[in-house]
Amino acid sequence: MKTEEIRLRVPRKTAQAYRNAPPEEQQRIAEIVRFSVRVMDDEEAFNEATERLERTMDEIGAKARARGLTDDILQDILNEGD
């Protein structure tokens, strides 16, 4: 498969978290983005991608909580853009 690099604008902390993630996590994120873009015109694939994304987000959330992320800290992070 031929690949091409694209750039996405994300908040600085998101970019830092991605860069600091292990290679296997970076690969999973790339797969999610690739699949999500591909399925924009395919409802069945879109639903599958949504379910997969939700599972991944649940896993990320569990890891974040295990590392000490609380609802208050998360709210502070989300409010930084204001």
PDB file of N, CA and C in Angstrom:
ATOM      1  N   MET A   1       0.842  -1.171   0.000  1.00  0.00           N
ATOM      2  CA  MET A   1       0.000   0.000   0.000  1.00  0.00           C
ATOM      3  C   MET A   1       0.892   1.241   0.000  1.00  0.00           C
ATOM      4  N   LYS A   2       0.601   2.142  -0.898  1.00  0.00           N
ATOM      5  CA  LYS A   2       1.325   3.403  -0.932  1.00  0.00           C
ATOM      6  C   LYS A   2       0.778   4.293   0.172  1.00  0.00           C
ATOM      7  N   THR A   3       1.645   5.012   0.818  1.00  0.00           N
ATOM      8  CA  THR A   3       1.205   5.913   1.878  1.00  0.00           C
ATOM      9  C   THR A   3       1.682   7.322   1.583  1.00  0.00           C
ATOM     10  N   GLU A   4       1.029   8.252   2.216  1.00  0.00           N
ATOM     11  CA  GLU A   4       1.379   9.654   2.078  1.00  0.00           C
ATOM     12  C   GLU A   4       1.179  10.306   3.443  1.00  0.00           C
ATOM     13  N   GLU A   5       2.075  11.159   3.815  1.00  0.00           N
ATOM     14  CA  GLU A   5       1.979  11.827   5.103  1.00  0.00           C
ATOM     15  C   GLU A   5       1.060  13.035   5.000  1.00  0.00           C
ATOM     16  N   ILE A   6       0.236  13.233   6.036  1.00  0.00           N
ATOM     17  CA  ILE A   6      -0.605  14.422   6.136  1.00  0.00           C
ATOM     18  C   ILE A   6      -0.332  15.072   7.484  1.00  0.00           C
ATOM     19  N   ARG A   7      -0.737  16.317   7.605  1.00  0.00           N
ATOM     20  CA  ARG A   7      -0.570  17.039   8.868  1.00  0.00           C
ATOM     21  C   ARG A   7      -1.950  17.373   9.407  1.00  0.00           C
ATOM     22  N   LEU A   8      -2.122  17.193  10.702  1.00  0.00           N
ATOM     23  CA  LEU A   8      -3.367  17.532  11.370  1.00  0.00           C
ATOM     24  C   LEU A   8      -3.070  18.539  12.464  1.00  0.00           C
ATOM     25  N   ARG A   9      -3.913  19.548  12.578  1.00  0.00           N
ATOM     26  CA  ARG A   9      -3.739  20.532  13.645  1.00  0.00           C
ATOM     27  C   ARG A   9      -4.495  20.044  14.871  1.00  0.00           C
ATOM     28  N   VAL A  10      -3.778  19.896  15.965  1.00  0.00           N
ATOM     29  CA  VAL A  10      -4.363  19.456  17.231  1.00  0.00           C
ATOM     30  C   VAL A  10      -3.799  20.339  18.341  1.00  0.00           C
ATOM     31  N   PRO A  11      -4.447  20.356  19.498  1.00  0.00           N
ATOM     32  CA  PRO A  11      -3.893  21.116  20.613  1.00  0.00           C
ATOM     33  C   PRO A  11      -2.481  20.634  20.956  1.00  0.00           C
ATOM     34  N   ARG A  12      -1.679  21.534  21.461  1.00  0.00           N
ATOM     35  CA  ARG A  12      -0.272  21.241  21.774  1.00  0.00           C
ATOM     36  C   ARG A  12      -0.128  20.016  22.674  1.00  0.00           C
ATOM     37  N   LYS A  13      -0.948  19.928  23.718  1.00  0.00           N
ATOM     38  CA  LYS A  13      -0.827  18.789  24.636  1.00  0.00           C
ATOM     39  C   LYS A  13      -1.176  17.476  23.945  1.00  0.00           C
ATOM     40  N   THR A  14      -2.091  17.526  23.003  1.00  0.00           N
ATOM     41  CA  THR A  14      -2.424  16.327  22.242  1.00  0.00           C
ATOM     42  C   THR A  14      -1.217  15.896  21.425  1.00  0.00           C
ATOM     43  N   ALA A  15      -0.577  16.840  20.777  1.00  0.00           N
ATOM     44  CA  ALA A  15       0.616  16.536  19.979  1.00  0.00           C
ATOM     45  C   ALA A  15       1.730  15.979  20.862  1.00  0.00           C
ATOM     46  N   GLN A  16       1.927  16.579  22.023  1.00  0.00           N
ATOM     47  CA  GLN A  16       2.965  16.096  22.946  1.00  0.00           C
ATOM     48  C   GLN A  16       2.659  14.678  23.417  1.00  0.00           C
ATOM     49  N   ALA A  17       1.396  14.432  23.752  1.00  0.00           N
ATOM     50  CA  ALA A  17       1.014  13.096  24.204  1.00  0.00           C
ATOM     51  C   ALA A  17       1.246  12.068  23.100  1.00  0.00           C
ATOM     52  N   TYR A  18       0.922  12.439  21.868  1.00  0.00           N
ATOM     53  CA  TYR A  18       1.140  11.531  20.742  1.00  0.00           C
ATOM     54  C   TYR A  18       2.631  11.242  20.570  1.00  0.00           C
ATOM     55  N   ARG A  19       3.439  12.299  20.565  1.00  0.00           N
ATOM     56  CA  ARG A  19       4.885  12.114  20.388  1.00  0.00           C
ATOM     57  C   ARG A  19       5.495  11.280  21.513  1.00  0.00           C
ATOM     58  N   ASN A  20       4.947  11.402  22.725  1.00  0.00           N
ATOM     59  CA  ASN A  20       5.479  10.667  23.869  1.00  0.00           C
ATOM     60  C   ASN A  20       4.917   9.253  23.987  1.00  0.00           C
ATOM     61  N   ALA A  21       3.916   8.932  23.186  1.00  0.00           N
ATOM     62  CA  ALA A  21       3.298   7.602  23.245  1.00  0.00           C
ATOM     63  C   ALA A  21       4.239   6.567  22.649  1.00  0.00           C
ATOM     64  N   PRO A  22       4.133   5.345  23.139  1.00  0.00           N
ATOM     65  CA  PRO A  22       4.945   4.268  22.546  1.00  0.00           C
ATOM     66  C   PRO A  22       4.550   4.057  21.080  1.00  0.00           C
ATOM     67  N   PRO A  23       5.455   3.536  20.281  1.00  0.00           N
ATOM     68  CA  PRO A  23       5.179   3.338  18.853  1.00  0.00           C
ATOM     69  C   PRO A  23       3.897   2.550  18.584  1.00  0.00           C
ATOM     70  N   GLU A  24       3.612   1.543  19.406  1.00  0.00           N
ATOM     71  CA  GLU A  24       2.397   0.751  19.156  1.00  0.00           C
ATOM     72  C   GLU A  24       1.134   1.591  19.372  1.00  0.00           C
ATOM     73  N   GLU A  25       1.154   2.533  20.317  1.00  0.00           N
ATOM     74  CA  GLU A  25       0.012   3.432  20.525  1.00  0.00           C
ATOM     75  C   GLU A  25      -0.103   4.417  19.360  1.00  0.00           C
ATOM     76  N   GLN A  26       1.023   4.919  18.890  1.00  0.00           N
ATOM     77  CA  GLN A  26       1.002   5.817  17.736  1.00  0.00           C
ATOM     78  C   GLN A  26       0.418   5.096  16.521  1.00  0.00           C
ATOM     79  N   GLN A  27       0.776   3.830  16.351  1.00  0.00           N
ATOM     80  CA  GLN A  27       0.249   3.049  15.230  1.00  0.00           C
ATOM     81  C   GLN A  27      -1.257   2.872  15.362  1.00  0.00           C
ATOM     82  N   ARG A  28      -1.734   2.612  16.564  1.00  0.00           N
ATOM     83  CA  ARG A  28      -3.176   2.447  16.774  1.00  0.00           C
ATOM     84  C   ARG A  28      -3.918   3.734  16.449  1.00  0.00           C
ATOM     85  N   ILE A  29      -3.353   4.861  16.851  1.00  0.00           N
ATOM     86  CA  ILE A  29      -3.981   6.150  16.563  1.00  0.00           C
ATOM     87  C   ILE A  29      -4.012   6.377  15.051  1.00  0.00           C
ATOM     88  N   ALA A  30      -2.920   6.088  14.381  1.00  0.00           N
ATOM     89  CA  ALA A  30      -2.875   6.246  12.920  1.00  0.00           C
ATOM     90  C   ALA A  30      -3.917   5.353  12.244  1.00  0.00           C
ATOM     91  N   GLU A  31      -4.082   4.130  12.745  1.00  0.00           N
ATOM     92  CA  GLU A  31      -5.083   3.231  12.179  1.00  0.00           C
ATOM     93  C   GLU A  31      -6.496   3.784  12.365  1.00  0.00           C
ATOM     94  N   ILE A  32      -6.754   4.345  13.521  1.00  0.00           N
ATOM     95  CA  ILE A  32      -8.074   4.916  13.790  1.00  0.00           C
ATOM     96  C   ILE A  32      -8.352   6.073  12.839  1.00  0.00           C
ATOM     97  N   VAL A  33      -7.383   6.951  12.673  1.00  0.00           N
ATOM     98  CA  VAL A  33      -7.569   8.092  11.769  1.00  0.00           C
ATOM     99  C   VAL A  33      -7.761   7.602  10.342  1.00  0.00           C
ATOM    100  N   ARG A  34      -6.923   6.687   9.914  1.00  0.00           N
ATOM    101  CA  ARG A  34      -7.005   6.154   8.546  1.00  0.00           C
ATOM    102  C   ARG A  34      -8.374   5.522   8.303  1.00  0.00           C
ATOM    103  N   PHE A  35      -8.810   4.698   9.221  1.00  0.00           N
ATOM    104  CA  PHE A  35     -10.089   4.025   9.068  1.00  0.00           C
ATOM    105  C   PHE A  35     -11.240   5.023   9.119  1.00  0.00           C
ATOM    106  N   SER A  36     -11.160   5.989  10.024  1.00  0.00           N
ATOM    107  CA  SER A  36     -12.229   6.977  10.174  1.00  0.00           C
ATOM    108  C   SER A  36     -12.415   7.798   8.902  1.00  0.00           C
ATOM    109  N   VAL A  37     -11.339   8.202   8.295  1.00  0.00           N
ATOM    110  CA  VAL A  37     -11.435   8.986   7.060  1.00  0.00           C
ATOM    111  C   VAL A  37     -11.978   8.127   5.925  1.00  0.00           C
ATOM    112  N   ARG A  38     -11.532   6.888   5.866  1.00  0.00           N
ATOM    113  CA  ARG A  38     -11.966   5.993   4.791  1.00  0.00           C
ATOM    114  C   ARG A  38     -13.456   5.689   4.848  1.00  0.00           C
ATOM    115  N   VAL A  39     -14.019   5.655   6.032  1.00  0.00           N
ATOM    116  CA  VAL A  39     -15.406   5.216   6.180  1.00  0.00           C
ATOM    117  C   VAL A  39     -16.424   6.347   6.138  1.00  0.00           C
ATOM    118  N   MET A  40     -16.009   7.534   5.862  1.00  0.00           N
ATOM    119  CA  MET A  40     -16.951   8.651   5.865  1.00  0.00           C
ATOM    120  C   MET A  40     -18.125   8.419   4.924  1.00  0.00           C
ATOM    121  N   ASP A  41     -17.949   7.649   3.860  1.00  0.00           N
ATOM    122  CA  ASP A  41     -19.024   7.401   2.896  1.00  0.00           C
ATOM    123  C   ASP A  41     -19.636   6.008   3.016  1.00  0.00           C
ATOM    124  N   ASP A  42     -19.242   5.240   4.029  1.00  0.00           N
ATOM    125  CA  ASP A  42     -19.717   3.862   4.175  1.00  0.00           C
ATOM    126  C   ASP A  42     -20.311   3.705   5.571  1.00  0.00           C
ATOM    127  N   GLU A  43     -21.644   3.646   5.669  1.00  0.00           N
ATOM    128  CA  GLU A  43     -22.319   3.650   6.973  1.00  0.00           C
ATOM    129  C   GLU A  43     -21.939   2.451   7.841  1.00  0.00           C
ATOM    130  N   GLU A  44     -21.899   1.265   7.254  1.00  0.00           N
ATOM    131  CA  GLU A  44     -21.544   0.072   8.033  1.00  0.00           C
ATOM    132  C   GLU A  44     -20.121   0.189   8.568  1.00  0.00           C
ATOM    133  N   ALA A  45     -19.214   0.583   7.720  1.00  0.00           N
ATOM    134  CA  ALA A  45     -17.829   0.760   8.147  1.00  0.00           C
ATOM    135  C   ALA A  45     -17.729   1.887   9.165  1.00  0.00           C
ATOM    136  N   PHE A  46     -18.530   2.939   8.992  1.00  0.00           N
ATOM    137  CA  PHE A  46     -18.534   4.048   9.939  1.00  0.00           C
ATOM    138  C   PHE A  46     -18.963   3.561  11.321  1.00  0.00           C
ATOM    139  N   ASN A  47     -20.017   2.741  11.376  1.00  0.00           N
ATOM    140  CA  ASN A  47     -20.479   2.216  12.658  1.00  0.00           C
ATOM    141  C   ASN A  47     -19.421   1.341  13.314  1.00  0.00           C
ATOM    142  N   GLU A  48     -18.748   0.539  12.495  1.00  0.00           N
ATOM    143  CA  GLU A  48     -17.667  -0.296  13.018  1.00  0.00           C
ATOM    144  C   GLU A  48     -16.531   0.571  13.560  1.00  0.00           C
ATOM    145  N   ALA A  49     -16.194   1.612  12.828  1.00  0.00           N
ATOM    146  CA  ALA A  49     -15.128   2.510  13.265  1.00  0.00           C
ATOM    147  C   ALA A  49     -15.509   3.215  14.559  1.00  0.00           C
ATOM    148  N   THR A  50     -16.762   3.605  14.661  1.00  0.00           N
ATOM    149  CA  THR A  50     -17.230   4.280  15.869  1.00  0.00           C
ATOM    150  C   THR A  50     -17.101   3.360  17.077  1.00  0.00           C
ATOM    151  N   GLU A  51     -17.516   2.108  16.929  1.00  0.00           N
ATOM    152  CA  GLU A  51     -17.401   1.143  18.025  1.00  0.00           C
ATOM    153  C   GLU A  51     -15.936   0.914  18.404  1.00  0.00           C
ATOM    154  N   ARG A  52     -15.092   0.808  17.399  1.00  0.00           N
ATOM    155  CA  ARG A  52     -13.660   0.597  17.659  1.00  0.00           C
ATOM    156  C   ARG A  52     -13.055   1.807  18.368  1.00  0.00           C
ATOM    157  N   LEU A  53     -13.440   2.998  17.926  1.00  0.00           N
ATOM    158  CA  LEU A  53     -12.947   4.219  18.562  1.00  0.00           C
ATOM    159  C   LEU A  53     -13.407   4.288  20.012  1.00  0.00           C
ATOM    160  N   GLU A  54     -14.661   3.953  20.261  1.00  0.00           N
ATOM    161  CA  GLU A  54     -15.171   3.981  21.633  1.00  0.00           C
ATOM    162  C   GLU A  54     -14.400   3.010  22.524  1.00  0.00           C
ATOM    163  N   ARG A  55     -14.098   1.813  22.010  1.00  0.00           N
ATOM    164  CA  ARG A  55     -13.314   0.849  22.799  1.00  0.00           C
ATOM    165  C   ARG A  55     -11.918   1.400  23.087  1.00  0.00           C
ATOM    166  N   THR A  56     -11.314   1.986  22.075  1.00  0.00           N
ATOM    167  CA  THR A  56      -9.972   2.544  22.256  1.00  0.00           C
ATOM    168  C   THR A  56      -9.987   3.696  23.260  1.00  0.00           C
ATOM    169  N   MET A  57     -10.994   4.554  23.150  1.00  0.00           N
ATOM    170  CA  MET A  57     -11.099   5.675  24.079  1.00  0.00           C
ATOM    171  C   MET A  57     -11.315   5.170  25.510  1.00  0.00           C
ATOM    172  N   ASP A  58     -12.104   4.110  25.669  1.00  0.00           N
ATOM    173  CA  ASP A  58     -12.291   3.520  26.999  1.00  0.00           C
ATOM    174  C   ASP A  58     -10.968   2.999  27.553  1.00  0.00           C
ATOM    175  N   GLU A  59     -10.173   2.356  26.694  1.00  0.00           N
ATOM    176  CA  GLU A  59      -8.861   1.856  27.119  1.00  0.00           C
ATOM    177  C   GLU A  59      -7.946   3.011  27.520  1.00  0.00           C
ATOM    178  N   ILE A  60      -7.938   4.064  26.716  1.00  0.00           N
ATOM    179  CA  ILE A  60      -7.104   5.230  27.016  1.00  0.00           C
ATOM    180  C   ILE A  60      -7.550   5.868  28.332  1.00  0.00           C
ATOM    181  N   GLY A  61      -8.858   5.984  28.514  1.00  0.00           N
ATOM    182  CA  GLY A  61      -9.386   6.548  29.754  1.00  0.00           C
ATOM    183  C   GLY A  61      -8.990   5.727  30.968  1.00  0.00           C
ATOM    184  N   ALA A  62      -9.065   4.415  30.852  1.00  0.00           N
ATOM    185  CA  ALA A  62      -8.681   3.546  31.961  1.00  0.00           C
ATOM    186  C   ALA A  62      -7.199   3.711  32.293  1.00  0.00           C
ATOM    187  N   LYS A  63      -6.374   3.792  31.255  1.00  0.00           N
ATOM    188  CA  LYS A  63      -4.938   3.997  31.490  1.00  0.00           C
ATOM    189  C   LYS A  63      -4.678   5.352  32.131  1.00  0.00           C
ATOM    190  N   ALA A  64      -5.394   6.382  31.679  1.00  0.00           N
ATOM    191  CA  ALA A  64      -5.216   7.725  32.240  1.00  0.00           C
ATOM    192  C   ALA A  64      -5.622   7.744  33.713  1.00  0.00           C
ATOM    193  N   ARG A  65      -6.749   7.108  34.041  1.00  0.00           N
ATOM    194  CA  ARG A  65      -7.175   7.048  35.444  1.00  0.00           C
ATOM    195  C   ARG A  65      -6.157   6.287  36.282  1.00  0.00           C
ATOM    196  N   ALA A  66      -5.612   5.210  35.739  1.00  0.00           N
ATOM    197  CA  ALA A  66      -4.605   4.429  36.456  1.00  0.00           C
ATOM    198  C   ALA A  66      -3.344   5.248  36.711  1.00  0.00           C
ATOM    199  N   ARG A  67      -3.103   6.237  35.851  1.00  0.00           N
ATOM    200  CA  ARG A  67      -1.918   7.098  36.004  1.00  0.00           C
ATOM    201  C   ARG A  67      -2.224   8.356  36.811  1.00  0.00           C
ATOM    202  N   GLY A  68      -3.459   8.441  37.351  1.00  0.00           N
ATOM    203  CA  GLY A  68      -3.770   9.545  38.244  1.00  0.00           C
ATOM    204  C   GLY A  68      -4.648  10.646  37.676  1.00  0.00           C
ATOM    205  N   LEU A  69      -5.143  10.507  36.477  1.00  0.00           N
ATOM    206  CA  LEU A  69      -6.010  11.536  35.916  1.00  0.00           C
ATOM    207  C   LEU A  69      -7.355  11.498  36.630  1.00  0.00           C
ATOM    208  N   THR A  70      -7.768  12.638  37.143  1.00  0.00           N
ATOM    209  CA  THR A  70      -9.065  12.743  37.816  1.00  0.00           C
ATOM    210  C   THR A  70      -9.995  13.592  36.957  1.00  0.00           C
ATOM    211  N   ASP A  71     -11.282  13.594  37.307  1.00  0.00           N
ATOM    212  CA  ASP A  71     -12.238  14.427  36.579  1.00  0.00           C
ATOM    213  C   ASP A  71     -11.858  15.901  36.676  1.00  0.00           C
ATOM    214  N   ASP A  72     -11.372  16.339  37.854  1.00  0.00           N
ATOM    215  CA  ASP A  72     -10.982  17.742  38.025  1.00  0.00           C
ATOM    216  C   ASP A  72      -9.797  18.104  37.122  1.00  0.00           C
ATOM    217  N   ILE A  73      -8.803  17.236  37.070  1.00  0.00           N
ATOM    218  CA  ILE A  73      -7.636  17.487  36.210  1.00  0.00           C
ATOM    219  C   ILE A  73      -8.068  17.516  34.749  1.00  0.00           C
ATOM    220  N   LEU A  74      -8.915  16.581  34.363  1.00  0.00           N
ATOM    221  CA  LEU A  74      -9.398  16.547  32.989  1.00  0.00           C
ATOM    222  C   LEU A  74     -10.149  17.825  32.648  1.00  0.00           C
ATOM    223  N   GLN A  75     -10.995  18.286  33.557  1.00  0.00           N
ATOM    224  CA  GLN A  75     -11.744  19.516  33.306  1.00  0.00           C
ATOM    225  C   GLN A  75     -10.800  20.701  33.154  1.00  0.00           C
ATOM    226  N   ASP A  76      -9.750  20.758  33.974  1.00  0.00           N
ATOM    227  CA  ASP A  76      -8.749  21.826  33.844  1.00  0.00           C
ATOM    228  C   ASP A  76      -8.086  21.788  32.469  1.00  0.00           C
ATOM    229  N   ILE A  77      -7.751  20.582  32.009  1.00  0.00           N
ATOM    230  CA  ILE A  77      -7.129  20.442  30.687  1.00  0.00           C
ATOM    231  C   ILE A  77      -8.086  20.919  29.595  1.00  0.00           C
ATOM    232  N   LEU A  78      -9.337  20.503  29.701  1.00  0.00           N
ATOM    233  CA  LEU A  78     -10.319  20.891  28.691  1.00  0.00           C
ATOM    234  C   LEU A  78     -10.586  22.389  28.689  1.00  0.00           C
ATOM    235  N   ASN A  79     -10.447  23.031  29.821  1.00  0.00           N
ATOM    236  CA  ASN A  79     -10.705  24.467  29.927  1.00  0.00           C
ATOM    237  C   ASN A  79      -9.518  25.325  29.520  1.00  0.00           C
ATOM    238  N   GLU A  80      -8.356  24.712  29.283  1.00  0.00           N
ATOM    239  CA  GLU A  80      -7.159  25.479  28.920  1.00  0.00           C
ATOM    240  C   GLU A  80      -7.327  26.245  27.632  1.00  0.00           C
ATOM    241  N   GLY A  81      -8.145  25.787  26.719  1.00  0.00           N
ATOM    242  CA  GLY A  81      -8.322  26.460  25.438  1.00  0.00           C
ATOM    243  C   GLY A  81      -9.196  27.694  25.538  1.00  0.00           C
ATOM    244  N   ASP A  82      -9.884  27.879  26.660  1.00  0.00           N
ATOM    245  CA  ASP A  82     -10.793  29.018  26.818  1.00  0.00           C
ATOM    246  C   ASP A  82     -10.051  30.322  27.064  1.00  0.00           C
TER     247      ASP A  82
END
